[in-house]
Amino acid sequence: MCRADWSSGYIQAEIVRQILETAGYTVSAPSDIELGPANAYLTMAQGGCDFWTNSWYPGHFSWYENELPDGSLVGEHVEAVDGLFQDSGVQGFLVTKSWAEENNVVSIDQINRDEALYSALDTDGDGKGEILGCPESWTCDDIIENMIVFSGWDNLVETKAGYDAMFGEFMNRVNAGEAAIIYTWTPAAYVVQMVPGVDVLWLSVETVLDDSNPLGLVGGESHTQGEGFTGLGADTCTQPCQLGWEAADIQVSASTAVLDANPLLRALFPLIRPSILDISILQVEQSNGDASEAHVVELATGWMSDNADLVAGWVAEAQG
């Protein structure tokens, strides 16, 4: 198996590995092959890894359009599997709460229209405010770039770098009361470090990206965010609340050939649905730990022990 190159995906990968071993499979350590989505789907399609537990759909469907050396597409060899955390990946932009309230900020579009506001986000002096986005090997970086063009945010640019480094910069600026915007997601420990309604607010957008793919990116039609997400109150989100991102389905993706050759695996994956609250708590414990692989394994093993009957039920149902 392989896992994502963002730390908030480590716990679920290890839990899935241990569940499959309970079902009788021998599974490699997730840390052996750590990939961002740009490479994960290609690797699965080419047989270098059987499955990946860190897909974020619908955005990641864009990678299905990549062409392999034989002329076939990734999507002919890889498929999304039901299960894990569907409709659970709330995502969007966070903004410094104190700065937003002092300046009556309600949307990114408002910031883009007001030089005083976007200039407060300009840390390199190029005249444009910065949105701290995603590393280039992910998918959200391309989605944000499509959003910027689609929404006409011509006074804003995306910063692409290592995510944890960007989040550290974001925390420093928020704690200093300075203007800052960053993309983030849940479940993740990030929203425990910078708490919506206390340190930050979710920041609204006025329009939601459709499937027009203004940058013409390969698979960019899948960047559409549907109707976005509006389910947050005024205590945590600027109003009217529209995050501009759909709540993602966080799922397993797997090689179709591997699934076809393993009916038990095809039956078991959709049944694996840990509590999103459990995973969130474990991610906080992970962030407070020593950043070792042993700690990730320990946390997952503890979850397996606490949920042994649940796991046994999933395995028994899959075995029929």
Protein backbone atom coordinates (compact mmCIF):
# COMPACT_ATOMS: atom_id res chain seq x y z
CA MET A 1 0.00 0.00 0.00
CA CYS A 2 0.96 3.66 -0.13
CA ARG A 3 -0.09 6.69 1.87
CA ALA A 4 -0.33 10.45 1.47
CA ASP A 5 2.54 12.82 2.08
CA TRP A 6 0.50 14.88 4.56
CA SER A 7 0.67 13.82 8.19
CA SER A 8 -3.08 14.07 8.86
CA GLY A 9 -3.53 11.05 6.58
CA TYR A 10 -1.16 8.74 8.44
CA ILE A 11 -3.56 7.43 11.11
CA GLN A 12 -6.27 6.24 8.72
CA ALA A 13 -3.66 4.55 6.52
CA GLU A 14 -2.27 2.57 9.45
CA ILE A 15 -5.76 1.64 10.69
CA VAL A 16 -6.68 0.30 7.26
CA ARG A 17 -3.43 -1.68 7.13
CA GLN A 18 -4.15 -3.30 10.48
CA ILE A 19 -7.74 -4.10 9.49
CA LEU A 20 -6.55 -5.84 6.33
CA GLU A 21 -4.03 -7.86 8.35
CA THR A 22 -6.89 -8.89 10.65
CA ALA A 23 -8.61 -10.18 7.50
CA GLY A 24 -5.57 -12.30 6.66
CA TYR A 25 -3.63 -10.09 4.27
CA THR A 26 0.05 -9.25 4.60
CA VAL A 27 0.37 -5.53 3.99
CA SER A 28 3.49 -3.40 3.71
CA ALA A 29 3.99 -0.47 6.06
CA PRO A 30 2.23 2.64 4.68
CA SER A 31 5.38 4.67 5.30
CA ASP A 32 7.29 2.56 2.76
CA ILE A 33 5.65 4.43 -0.14
CA GLU A 34 4.61 7.99 0.67
CA LEU A 35 3.17 9.97 -2.24
CA GLY A 36 1.22 13.07 -3.07
CA PRO A 37 -1.77 12.65 -5.38
CA ALA A 38 0.20 13.74 -8.44
CA ASN A 39 2.16 10.48 -8.18
CA ALA A 40 -0.16 8.21 -6.18
CA TYR A 41 -2.69 7.62 -8.95
CA LEU A 42 0.00 7.06 -11.58
CA THR A 43 1.78 4.63 -9.27
CA MET A 44 -1.40 2.63 -8.63
CA ALA A 45 -2.23 2.59 -12.34
CA GLN A 46 1.24 1.27 -13.17
CA GLY A 47 1.23 -1.40 -10.47
CA GLY A 48 3.69 0.20 -8.08
CA CYS A 49 1.18 0.31 -5.23
CA ASP A 50 -2.12 -1.53 -4.76
CA PHE A 51 -4.16 1.05 -2.88
CA TRP A 52 -4.05 4.49 -1.26
CA THR A 53 -6.25 5.54 1.65
CA ASN A 54 -6.08 9.30 1.20
CA SER A 55 -8.19 10.24 -1.81
CA TRP A 56 -10.23 13.45 -1.69
CA TYR A 57 -13.08 13.28 -4.17
CA PRO A 58 -14.38 14.81 -6.34
CA GLY A 59 -11.20 16.91 -6.70
CA HIS A 60 -8.91 13.93 -7.14
CA PHE A 61 -10.91 12.62 -10.11
CA SER A 62 -8.85 15.10 -12.13
CA TRP A 63 -5.88 12.70 -11.86
CA TYR A 64 -7.87 9.99 -13.65
CA GLU A 65 -7.37 11.93 -16.90
CA ASN A 66 -3.58 11.49 -16.91
CA GLU A 67 -2.24 9.37 -19.73
CA LEU A 68 0.11 6.43 -19.22
CA PRO A 69 2.97 5.54 -21.60
CA ASP A 70 0.76 2.92 -23.32
CA GLY A 71 -1.86 5.55 -24.15
CA SER A 72 -4.42 4.40 -21.59
CA LEU A 73 -5.74 6.68 -18.87
CA VAL A 74 -5.21 6.36 -15.12
CA GLY A 75 -8.98 6.03 -14.67
CA GLU A 76 -8.95 2.80 -16.68
CA HIS A 77 -6.79 1.17 -14.02
CA VAL A 78 -7.77 2.84 -10.73
CA GLU A 79 -11.12 3.25 -9.00
CA ALA A 80 -12.62 4.97 -5.98
CA VAL A 81 -14.01 2.66 -3.33
CA ASP A 82 -16.91 3.59 -1.05
CA GLY A 83 -16.15 3.82 2.66
CA LEU A 84 -13.98 5.75 5.10
CA PHE A 85 -15.23 9.33 5.55
CA GLN A 86 -17.72 10.30 2.88
CA ASP A 87 -19.06 13.88 2.96
CA SER A 88 -16.73 14.50 5.92
CA GLY A 89 -13.83 16.51 4.50
CA VAL A 90 -14.88 20.09 5.21
CA GLN A 91 -12.35 22.41 3.59
CA GLY A 92 -11.91 26.07 2.89
CA PHE A 93 -9.96 29.21 3.77
CA LEU A 94 -9.17 30.40 7.30
CA VAL A 95 -8.53 34.06 8.10
CA THR A 96 -7.16 35.85 11.16
CA LYS A 97 -10.26 36.44 13.29
CA SER A 98 -9.14 39.67 14.97
CA TRP A 99 -8.11 41.27 11.67
CA ALA A 100 -11.29 40.18 9.88
CA GLU A 101 -13.50 41.56 12.63
CA GLU A 102 -11.59 44.85 12.89
CA ASN A 103 -11.97 45.38 9.15
CA ASN A 104 -15.48 43.95 8.73
CA VAL A 105 -14.17 41.34 6.29
CA VAL A 106 -16.83 38.93 5.05
CA SER A 107 -15.36 37.40 1.87
CA ILE A 108 -12.22 36.89 -0.20
CA ASP A 109 -13.91 38.84 -2.99
CA GLN A 110 -14.24 41.87 -0.71
CA ILE A 111 -10.53 41.63 0.11
CA ASN A 112 -9.68 41.49 -3.59
CA ARG A 113 -11.67 44.68 -4.25
CA ASP A 114 -10.10 46.72 -1.44
CA GLU A 115 -6.43 47.69 -1.79
CA ALA A 116 -6.09 48.32 1.93
CA LEU A 117 -7.22 44.75 2.62
CA TYR A 118 -5.23 42.84 0.02
CA SER A 119 -2.15 44.94 0.72
CA ALA A 120 -2.28 43.70 4.32
CA LEU A 121 -1.75 40.19 2.91
CA ASP A 122 1.21 41.24 0.73
CA THR A 123 4.36 40.04 2.50
CA ASP A 124 6.77 40.18 -0.44
CA GLY A 125 5.95 43.64 -1.76
CA ASP A 126 4.76 42.58 -5.22
CA GLY A 127 1.47 44.42 -4.80
CA LYS A 128 -0.64 41.28 -4.46
CA GLY A 129 -2.03 39.64 -1.35
CA GLU A 130 -1.07 36.04 -0.67
CA ILE A 131 -3.30 33.08 0.00
CA LEU A 132 -1.27 30.33 1.65
CA GLY A 133 -2.31 27.33 -0.39
CA CYS A 134 -0.93 23.86 -1.01
CA PRO A 135 2.22 22.10 -2.17
CA GLU A 136 2.47 21.67 -5.93
CA SER A 137 2.21 17.87 -5.74
CA TRP A 138 -1.28 17.99 -4.23
CA THR A 139 -4.58 18.83 -5.99
CA CYS A 140 -5.83 21.80 -3.99
CA ASP A 141 -3.05 23.98 -5.43
CA ASP A 142 -4.55 23.66 -8.91
CA ILE A 143 -8.09 24.09 -7.60
CA ILE A 144 -7.11 27.32 -5.84
CA GLU A 145 -5.46 28.64 -9.00
CA ASN A 146 -8.62 27.85 -10.97
CA MET A 147 -10.66 29.60 -8.25
CA ILE A 148 -8.52 32.73 -8.46
CA VAL A 149 -9.06 33.03 -12.22
CA PHE A 150 -12.73 32.00 -12.10
CA SER A 151 -13.59 34.50 -9.36
CA GLY A 152 -11.46 37.31 -10.76
CA TRP A 153 -9.25 37.61 -7.69
CA ASP A 154 -6.63 39.46 -9.72
CA ASN A 155 -5.13 41.14 -6.66
CA LEU A 156 -4.41 37.82 -4.94
CA VAL A 157 -1.95 35.00 -5.59
CA GLU A 158 -1.47 31.52 -4.17
CA THR A 159 1.68 30.66 -2.23
CA LYS A 160 2.76 27.06 -2.84
CA ALA A 161 5.18 25.49 -0.38
CA GLY A 162 5.44 22.76 2.25
CA TYR A 163 2.13 22.80 4.09
CA ASP A 164 3.36 22.51 7.67
CA ALA A 165 5.82 25.35 7.10
CA MET A 166 3.05 27.52 5.69
CA PHE A 167 0.77 26.67 8.59
CA GLY A 168 3.53 27.61 11.02
CA GLU A 169 3.83 30.98 9.29
CA PHE A 170 0.06 31.35 9.43
CA MET A 171 -0.01 30.68 13.18
CA ASN A 172 2.71 33.24 13.80
CA ARG A 173 0.82 35.89 11.88
CA VAL A 174 -2.50 35.09 13.54
CA ASN A 175 -0.93 35.16 17.00
CA ALA A 176 0.54 38.57 16.17
CA GLY A 177 -2.86 39.84 15.04
CA GLU A 178 -1.67 40.18 11.45
CA ALA A 179 -3.69 39.51 8.31
CA ALA A 180 -3.32 35.97 6.95
CA ILE A 181 -5.34 33.52 4.88
CA ILE A 182 -4.65 29.81 4.47
CA TYR A 183 -6.41 26.84 2.89
CA THR A 184 -7.07 23.99 5.32
CA TRP A 185 -9.30 20.99 5.86
CA THR A 186 -10.86 18.70 8.43
CA PRO A 187 -10.39 16.23 9.94
CA ALA A 188 -6.95 17.54 10.86
CA ALA A 189 -5.17 18.82 13.94
CA TYR A 190 -4.72 22.19 12.22
CA VAL A 191 -8.16 23.38 13.35
CA VAL A 192 -7.23 22.46 16.91
CA GLN A 193 -4.07 24.55 16.73
CA MET A 194 -5.96 27.48 15.19
CA VAL A 195 -9.53 27.17 16.41
CA PRO A 196 -12.37 28.58 14.26
CA GLY A 197 -14.32 31.07 16.33
CA VAL A 198 -11.38 31.66 18.68
CA ASP A 199 -8.24 32.36 16.66
CA VAL A 200 -9.58 32.28 13.12
CA LEU A 201 -12.75 32.29 11.04
CA TRP A 202 -13.71 30.31 7.98
CA LEU A 203 -13.77 32.90 5.18
CA SER A 204 -16.60 33.03 2.65
CA VAL A 205 -16.45 33.43 -1.12
CA GLU A 206 -19.08 35.02 -3.35
CA THR A 207 -18.98 32.49 -6.20
CA VAL A 208 -18.34 28.74 -6.28
CA LEU A 209 -16.02 27.25 -8.90
CA ASP A 210 -17.90 25.38 -11.63
CA ASP A 211 -16.62 22.89 -14.21
CA SER A 212 -15.52 25.53 -16.73
CA ASN A 213 -11.82 24.90 -15.93
CA PRO A 214 -10.68 28.45 -16.76
CA LEU A 215 -6.99 27.50 -16.73
CA GLY A 216 -7.51 24.58 -19.09
CA LEU A 217 -5.79 22.12 -16.76
CA VAL A 218 -5.88 18.40 -17.57
CA GLY A 219 -8.84 17.02 -15.62
CA GLY A 220 -9.65 20.52 -14.37
CA GLU A 221 -13.35 20.02 -15.00
CA SER A 222 -13.30 17.86 -11.87
CA HIS A 223 -12.24 20.89 -9.83
CA THR A 224 -15.87 22.02 -9.69
CA GLN A 225 -17.08 22.50 -6.15
CA GLY A 226 -20.77 21.97 -6.83
CA GLU A 227 -22.84 24.02 -4.43
CA GLY A 228 -19.95 24.54 -2.02
CA PHE A 229 -20.61 24.28 1.72
CA THR A 230 -22.77 26.60 3.81
CA GLY A 231 -23.29 24.63 7.01
CA LEU A 232 -21.37 26.81 9.48
CA GLY A 233 -22.75 29.49 11.78
CA ALA A 234 -21.69 33.07 12.44
CA ASP A 235 -19.57 31.97 15.40
CA THR A 236 -17.07 30.24 13.10
CA CYS A 237 -17.68 31.55 9.56
CA THR A 238 -18.07 34.99 7.99
CA GLN A 239 -21.63 35.58 6.85
CA PRO A 240 -23.32 34.66 4.64
CA CYS A 241 -21.22 31.53 4.96
CA GLN A 242 -20.12 29.92 1.71
CA LEU A 243 -16.79 28.12 1.94
CA GLY A 244 -16.58 27.62 -1.82
CA TRP A 245 -15.49 24.01 -1.38
CA GLU A 246 -17.63 20.89 -1.29
CA ALA A 247 -17.34 18.62 1.71
CA ALA A 248 -15.04 15.99 0.23
CA ASP A 249 -15.39 12.24 0.23
CA ILE A 250 -12.21 10.91 1.84
CA GLN A 251 -11.93 7.43 0.38
CA VAL A 252 -9.71 4.54 -0.53
CA SER A 253 -8.59 4.33 -4.16
CA ALA A 254 -7.27 1.05 -5.47
CA SER A 255 -5.99 -0.75 -8.51
CA THR A 256 -8.95 -2.25 -10.35
CA ALA A 257 -6.86 -5.31 -11.20
CA VAL A 258 -6.04 -5.88 -7.53
CA LEU A 259 -9.69 -5.51 -6.50
CA ASP A 260 -10.83 -7.89 -9.25
CA ALA A 261 -8.29 -10.46 -8.09
CA ASN A 262 -9.31 -10.09 -4.43
CA PRO A 263 -13.10 -10.27 -3.94
CA LEU A 264 -12.65 -10.10 -0.16
CA LEU A 265 -10.74 -6.84 -0.50
CA ARG A 266 -13.42 -5.41 -2.79
CA ALA A 267 -16.08 -6.39 -0.25
CA LEU A 268 -14.16 -5.19 2.82
CA PHE A 269 -13.03 -1.70 1.78
CA PRO A 270 -16.56 -0.20 1.62
CA LEU A 271 -17.32 -1.49 5.13
CA ILE A 272 -14.34 0.26 6.75
CA ARG A 273 -15.88 3.41 8.21
CA PRO A 274 -14.14 4.61 11.39
CA SER A 275 -15.74 7.39 13.38
CA ILE A 276 -14.62 10.78 12.08
CA LEU A 277 -14.53 11.96 15.71
CA ASP A 278 -12.20 9.10 16.64
CA ILE A 279 -9.83 10.00 13.82
CA SER A 280 -9.87 13.68 14.74
CA ILE A 281 -8.97 12.87 18.35
CA LEU A 282 -6.16 10.57 17.21
CA GLN A 283 -4.81 13.28 14.91
CA VAL A 284 -4.60 15.68 17.84
CA GLU A 285 -2.77 13.04 19.88
CA GLN A 286 -0.46 12.48 16.90
CA SER A 287 0.31 16.20 16.62
CA ASN A 288 1.17 16.28 20.33
CA GLY A 289 3.52 13.30 20.01
CA ASP A 290 7.09 12.82 18.90
CA ALA A 291 6.34 12.69 15.14
CA SER A 292 7.60 9.10 14.96
CA GLU A 293 6.17 6.28 12.91
CA ALA A 294 6.05 4.20 16.08
CA HIS A 295 3.63 6.68 17.61
CA VAL A 296 1.33 6.46 14.57
CA VAL A 297 1.33 2.67 14.83
CA GLU A 298 0.69 2.86 18.58
CA LEU A 299 -2.31 5.16 18.13
CA ALA A 300 -3.78 2.96 15.41
CA THR A 301 -3.21 -0.18 17.49
CA GLY A 302 -5.05 1.44 20.39
CA TRP A 303 -7.99 2.24 18.11
CA MET A 304 -8.03 -1.36 16.87
CA SER A 305 -8.14 -2.64 20.43
CA ASP A 306 -10.95 -0.28 21.39
CA ASN A 307 -12.94 -1.22 18.29
CA ALA A 308 -12.13 -4.93 17.99
CA ASP A 309 -15.78 -6.02 17.81
CA LEU A 310 -16.56 -3.43 15.14
CA VAL A 311 -13.60 -4.53 13.02
CA ALA A 312 -14.48 -8.20 13.48
CA GLY A 313 -17.98 -7.43 12.23
CA TRP A 314 -16.65 -5.71 9.11
CA VAL A 315 -14.36 -8.63 8.33
CA ALA A 316 -17.07 -11.24 8.95
CA GLU A 317 -19.53 -9.40 6.71
CA ALA A 318 -16.97 -9.13 3.92
CA GLN A 319 -16.16 -12.83 4.20
CA GLY A 320 -19.85 -13.60 3.86
